[in-house]
N, C-alpha and C. Protein backbone atom coordinates (compact mmCIF):
# COMPACT_ATOMS: atom_id res chain seq x y z
N MET A 1 0.62 -1.33 0.03
CA MET A 1 0.01 -0.09 -0.12
C MET A 1 1.03 1.11 -0.16
N LYS A 2 1.89 1.14 0.19
CA LYS A 2 2.96 2.21 0.50
C LYS A 2 3.45 3.01 -1.12
N PRO A 3 3.47 2.32 -1.90
CA PRO A 3 4.07 2.60 -2.83
C PRO A 3 2.64 3.63 -3.54
N VAL A 4 1.90 2.91 -3.11
CA VAL A 4 0.28 3.74 -4.05
C VAL A 4 0.21 5.28 -3.10
N VAL A 5 0.43 5.21 -2.12
CA VAL A 5 0.01 6.26 -1.56
C VAL A 5 1.49 7.21 -1.78
N TYR A 6 2.33 6.51 -2.13
CA TYR A 6 4.08 7.83 -2.34
C TYR A 6 3.46 8.11 -3.72
N LYS A 7 3.16 7.42 -4.20
CA LYS A 7 2.46 7.61 -6.01
C LYS A 7 1.80 9.23 -6.04
N ILE A 8 0.42 8.79 -5.06
CA ILE A 8 -0.73 10.13 -5.44
C ILE A 8 -0.18 11.02 -4.47
N ALA A 9 0.61 10.64 -3.34
CA ALA A 9 0.86 12.04 -2.72
C ALA A 9 2.11 13.38 -3.53
N MET A 10 3.01 12.58 -4.00
CA MET A 10 3.77 12.94 -4.68
C MET A 10 3.02 13.76 -6.08
N GLU A 11 2.04 13.16 -6.79
CA GLU A 11 1.41 13.57 -7.84
C GLU A 11 0.55 14.94 -7.56
N ARG A 12 0.22 14.99 -6.17
CA ARG A 12 -1.13 16.10 -5.75
C ARG A 12 0.13 16.86 -5.44
N MET A 13 0.79 16.65 -4.53
CA MET A 13 2.31 17.75 -4.23
C MET A 13 2.63 18.36 -5.31
N GLN A 14 2.95 17.96 -6.78
CA GLN A 14 3.37 18.15 -8.11
C GLN A 14 2.23 19.47 -8.47
N ILE A 15 1.23 18.85 -8.39
CA ILE A 15 -0.13 19.66 -8.78
C ILE A 15 -0.69 20.90 -8.11
N LEU A 16 -0.41 20.57 -6.99
CA LEU A 16 -0.30 21.88 -6.30
C LEU A 16 0.98 23.00 -5.98
N VAL A 17 2.13 22.70 -6.27
CA VAL A 17 2.96 23.02 -6.66
C VAL A 17 2.81 24.28 -7.91
N ASP A 18 2.71 23.58 -8.92
CA ASP A 18 2.68 23.84 -10.00
C ASP A 18 1.22 25.31 -10.31
N ASN A 19 0.62 24.82 -9.59
CA ASN A 19 -0.88 25.67 -9.38
C ASN A 19 -0.79 26.73 -8.90
N ALA A 20 0.40 26.69 -7.30
CA ALA A 20 0.52 27.68 -6.96
C ALA A 20 1.62 28.79 -7.51
N ILE A 21 2.53 27.77 -8.88
CA ILE A 21 3.39 29.22 -9.45
C ILE A 21 2.52 30.00 -10.30
N ALA A 22 1.33 28.84 -10.74
CA ALA A 22 0.81 29.81 -11.82
C ALA A 22 -0.14 30.75 -11.26
N ASN A 23 -0.61 30.77 -10.02
CA ASN A 23 -1.18 31.80 -9.37
C ASN A 23 -0.39 32.83 -8.52
N ALA A 24 0.78 32.84 -8.14
CA ALA A 24 1.60 33.35 -7.77
C ALA A 24 1.15 34.83 -8.16
N ARG A 25 0.93 35.63 -9.12
CA ARG A 25 1.04 36.81 -9.49
C ARG A 25 -0.42 37.16 -9.51
N THR A 26 -1.43 36.68 -9.58
CA THR A 26 -2.73 36.99 -10.06
C THR A 26 -3.68 36.51 -8.25
N ASP A 27 -3.10 35.63 -7.68
CA ASP A 27 -3.56 35.64 -5.98
C ASP A 27 -2.34 35.27 -4.93
N PRO A 28 -1.72 36.00 -4.55
CA PRO A 28 -0.79 35.58 -3.78
C PRO A 28 -1.15 34.76 -2.16
N GLU A 29 -2.42 35.04 -1.84
CA GLU A 29 -2.92 34.48 -0.65
C GLU A 29 -3.34 32.68 -1.41
N LEU A 30 -4.08 32.65 -2.14
CA LEU A 30 -4.23 31.08 -2.86
C LEU A 30 -3.36 30.49 -2.89
N SER A 31 -1.88 31.25 -3.84
CA SER A 31 -0.60 30.64 -4.03
C SER A 31 0.10 29.82 -2.77
N GLN A 32 0.31 30.95 -1.36
CA GLN A 32 1.01 30.54 -0.59
C GLN A 32 0.05 29.53 -0.06
N ARG A 33 -1.32 29.51 0.27
CA ARG A 33 -2.24 28.06 0.58
C ARG A 33 -2.00 27.08 0.16
N GLN A 34 -1.94 27.02 -1.18
CA GLN A 34 -1.48 25.90 -2.00
C GLN A 34 -0.02 24.78 -1.73
N ALA A 35 1.15 26.14 -2.17
CA ALA A 35 2.22 25.57 -1.42
C ALA A 35 2.26 24.79 0.01
N SER A 36 1.30 25.27 0.77
CA SER A 36 1.44 24.65 2.37
C SER A 36 0.98 23.92 2.37
N ILE A 37 -0.31 23.77 2.05
CA ILE A 37 -1.29 22.08 1.52
C ILE A 37 0.35 21.13 0.78
N ALA A 38 1.08 21.58 -0.15
CA ALA A 38 1.74 20.88 -0.67
C ALA A 38 2.68 20.33 0.63
N ARG A 39 3.49 20.95 1.05
CA ARG A 39 4.22 20.60 2.46
C ARG A 39 3.34 19.71 3.64
N ARG A 40 2.15 20.64 3.98
CA ARG A 40 1.47 19.00 4.89
C ARG A 40 1.25 17.94 4.37
N ILE A 41 1.10 18.04 3.53
CA ILE A 41 0.92 16.35 2.50
C ILE A 41 2.44 15.83 2.66
N SER A 42 3.36 16.49 2.33
CA SER A 42 4.86 16.14 2.33
C SER A 42 5.39 15.48 4.32
N THR A 43 4.69 16.25 5.03
CA THR A 43 4.74 15.82 6.37
C THR A 43 4.15 14.47 6.84
N LYS A 44 3.05 14.85 6.33
CA LYS A 44 1.88 13.73 7.04
C LYS A 44 2.08 12.62 6.51
N TYR A 45 2.42 12.29 5.06
CA TYR A 45 2.98 10.92 4.53
C TYR A 45 4.77 11.08 4.97
N ASN A 46 5.20 11.43 5.63
CA ASN A 46 6.55 11.31 5.59
C ASN A 46 6.78 10.78 4.44
N ILE A 47 7.27 12.22 3.53
CA ILE A 47 7.91 12.21 2.23
C ILE A 47 8.60 13.66 1.67
N LEU A 48 9.88 12.95 1.53
CA LEU A 48 11.08 14.16 1.18
C LEU A 48 10.51 14.56 0.27
N MET A 49 10.55 15.87 0.43
CA MET A 49 10.04 16.59 -1.27
C MET A 49 11.17 16.48 -2.39
N PRO A 50 11.44 16.59 -3.52
CA PRO A 50 11.80 16.47 -4.11
C PRO A 50 12.59 17.60 -4.42
N TYR A 51 13.78 17.89 -4.99
CA TYR A 51 14.40 19.39 -4.90
C TYR A 51 13.93 20.32 -5.75
N TYR A 52 13.40 20.04 -7.18
CA TYR A 52 12.69 20.73 -7.53
C TYR A 52 11.42 21.42 -6.80
N LEU A 53 10.94 20.77 -5.92
CA LEU A 53 10.19 21.04 -4.96
C LEU A 53 10.19 22.03 -3.87
N ARG A 54 11.21 21.34 -3.58
CA ARG A 54 11.93 22.09 -2.24
C ARG A 54 12.51 23.70 -2.56
N MET A 55 12.85 23.48 -4.01
CA MET A 55 13.58 25.03 -4.57
C MET A 55 12.70 26.34 -4.19
N VAL A 56 11.16 26.08 -4.02
CA VAL A 56 10.44 27.20 -4.09
C VAL A 56 9.94 27.79 -2.69
N PHE A 57 10.51 26.95 -1.30
CA PHE A 57 10.20 27.93 -0.41
C PHE A 57 11.98 28.36 0.20
N CYS A 58 11.46 29.26 0.80
CA CYS A 58 12.51 30.20 1.64
C CYS A 58 13.00 29.11 2.38
N LYS A 59 14.94 29.40 2.58
CA LYS A 59 15.56 28.10 3.86
C LYS A 59 14.53 28.83 5.35
N GLN A 60 14.86 30.56 5.30
CA GLN A 60 14.82 30.69 6.85
C GLN A 60 13.75 30.77 6.83
N CYS A 61 12.48 31.20 6.19
CA CYS A 61 10.88 31.48 6.92
C CYS A 61 9.98 30.80 6.30
N ASN A 62 10.44 29.85 5.69
CA ASN A 62 9.53 28.53 5.04
C ASN A 62 7.99 29.31 4.21
N PHE A 63 8.24 30.33 3.92
CA PHE A 63 7.44 30.99 3.44
C PHE A 63 7.86 30.12 1.46
N PHE A 64 6.44 30.25 0.53
CA PHE A 64 6.58 30.44 -0.51
C PHE A 64 7.42 31.58 -1.54
N ILE A 65 7.98 31.07 -2.49
CA ILE A 65 8.78 31.97 -3.00
C ILE A 65 8.22 31.61 -4.91
N ALA A 66 7.67 32.67 -5.67
CA ALA A 66 7.96 32.30 -6.50
C ALA A 66 8.96 33.45 -7.39
N LEU A 67 9.89 33.13 -8.19
CA LEU A 67 10.97 33.25 -8.80
C LEU A 67 10.92 34.63 -9.77
N GLY A 68 10.43 35.86 -9.17
CA GLY A 68 10.46 37.21 -10.25
C GLY A 68 9.38 37.48 -9.69
N ILE A 69 8.76 37.26 -8.78
CA ILE A 69 7.24 37.57 -8.40
C ILE A 69 7.41 38.43 -6.65
N ASN A 70 7.99 37.36 -5.97
CA ASN A 70 8.57 38.06 -4.61
C ASN A 70 9.97 37.44 -3.66
N ALA A 71 10.63 37.30 -5.25
CA ALA A 71 11.75 37.07 -4.57
C ALA A 71 12.59 37.49 -5.97
N ARG A 72 14.18 37.79 -5.96
CA ARG A 72 15.08 38.21 -6.87
C ARG A 72 16.08 36.91 -6.88
N ILE A 73 16.65 37.18 -8.13
CA ILE A 73 17.24 36.09 -8.76
C ILE A 73 18.39 36.95 -9.50
N ARG A 74 19.85 36.41 -8.92
CA ARG A 74 21.02 37.09 -9.74
C ARG A 74 21.79 35.88 -9.59
N LEU A 75 23.00 36.71 -10.82
CA LEU A 75 23.74 35.54 -11.24
C LEU A 75 24.78 35.64 -10.60
N GLY A 76 25.72 35.15 -9.60
CA GLY A 76 26.71 35.08 -9.12
C GLY A 76 27.88 36.01 -10.08
N ARG A 77 29.24 36.87 -9.54
CA ARG A 77 30.23 37.09 -10.61
C ARG A 77 31.60 36.36 -9.67
N THR A 78 31.44 35.83 -9.28
CA THR A 78 32.90 35.04 -8.73
C THR A 78 33.41 34.03 -9.70
N SER A 79 34.30 33.17 -9.53
CA SER A 79 34.87 32.15 -9.89
C SER A 79 34.18 30.77 -9.73
N VAL A 80 33.57 30.99 -8.58
CA VAL A 80 32.53 29.82 -8.39
C VAL A 80 31.24 30.13 -8.79
N LYS A 81 30.77 29.74 -9.85
CA LYS A 81 29.14 30.43 -10.82
C LYS A 81 28.00 30.01 -9.54
N SER A 82 27.08 30.49 -9.48
CA SER A 82 25.80 30.48 -8.26
C SER A 82 24.85 31.37 -8.85
N LEU A 83 23.58 30.45 -8.32
CA LEU A 83 22.54 31.76 -8.30
C LEU A 83 21.93 32.33 -7.06
N ARG A 84 22.16 33.72 -7.04
CA ARG A 84 21.73 33.97 -5.62
C ARG A 84 20.42 34.25 -5.84
N ILE A 85 19.54 33.97 -4.63
CA ILE A 85 18.27 34.18 -4.75
C ILE A 85 17.80 35.20 -3.04
N TYR A 86 17.56 36.21 -3.36
CA TYR A 86 17.11 37.07 -2.44
C TYR A 86 15.69 36.96 -2.11
N CYS A 87 14.97 36.36 -1.14
CA CYS A 87 13.74 36.56 -0.09
C CYS A 87 13.10 37.92 -0.22
N ASN A 88 12.34 38.68 -0.78
CA ASN A 88 11.53 39.64 -0.77
C ASN A 88 11.09 39.76 0.87
N LEU A 89 10.51 38.88 1.30
CA LEU A 89 9.40 38.97 2.74
C LEU A 89 10.48 39.07 3.90
N CYS A 90 11.44 38.12 3.74
CA CYS A 90 12.79 37.91 5.02
C CYS A 90 13.99 38.51 5.01
N GLY A 91 14.04 38.78 3.45
CA GLY A 91 15.51 39.24 3.20
C GLY A 91 16.77 38.23 3.61
N HIS A 92 16.24 36.94 3.56
CA HIS A 92 17.34 35.98 3.56
C HIS A 92 17.93 35.83 1.90
N THR A 93 18.98 35.77 1.69
CA THR A 93 20.08 35.43 0.50
C THR A 93 20.36 34.32 0.56
N TYR A 94 19.97 33.30 -0.23
CA TYR A 94 21.06 31.90 -0.52
C TYR A 94 21.23 31.50 -1.78
N ARG A 95 22.22 30.76 -1.83
CA ARG A 95 23.17 30.55 -3.11
C ARG A 95 22.95 29.35 -3.95
N LYS A 96 22.84 28.76 -4.93
CA LYS A 96 22.59 27.81 -5.50
C LYS A 96 23.73 27.54 -6.31
N ILE A 97 24.33 26.75 -6.13
CA ILE A 97 25.68 26.68 -6.79
C ILE A 97 25.70 26.05 -8.71
N ILE A 98 26.10 26.10 -9.54
CA ILE A 98 25.76 26.02 -11.14
C ILE A 98 27.39 25.39 -11.53
N SER A 99 27.12 23.54 -11.73
CA SER A 99 28.27 23.20 -11.86
C SER A 99 28.23 23.57 -13.39
């Protein structure tokens, strides 16, 4: 039964995050609610969210961030290439290394 529950939970988390990204500009409260439901599904069924789903949450305030809407994204100009993501809600900056 566990693989079936895992598959359904992953599909629902994917759908909710996709809808949250689509609604981020028009209705930010709805998009935040959809993202928080996706996170609750992950915790309820003890499933680790894939990296591409975890990436849309701020590491400090755990708020849903849509790049370009409530977060800035910049390209690093150092020897180590990285993306700098700045959360407009809490002001936290974190980096993703580009290999």
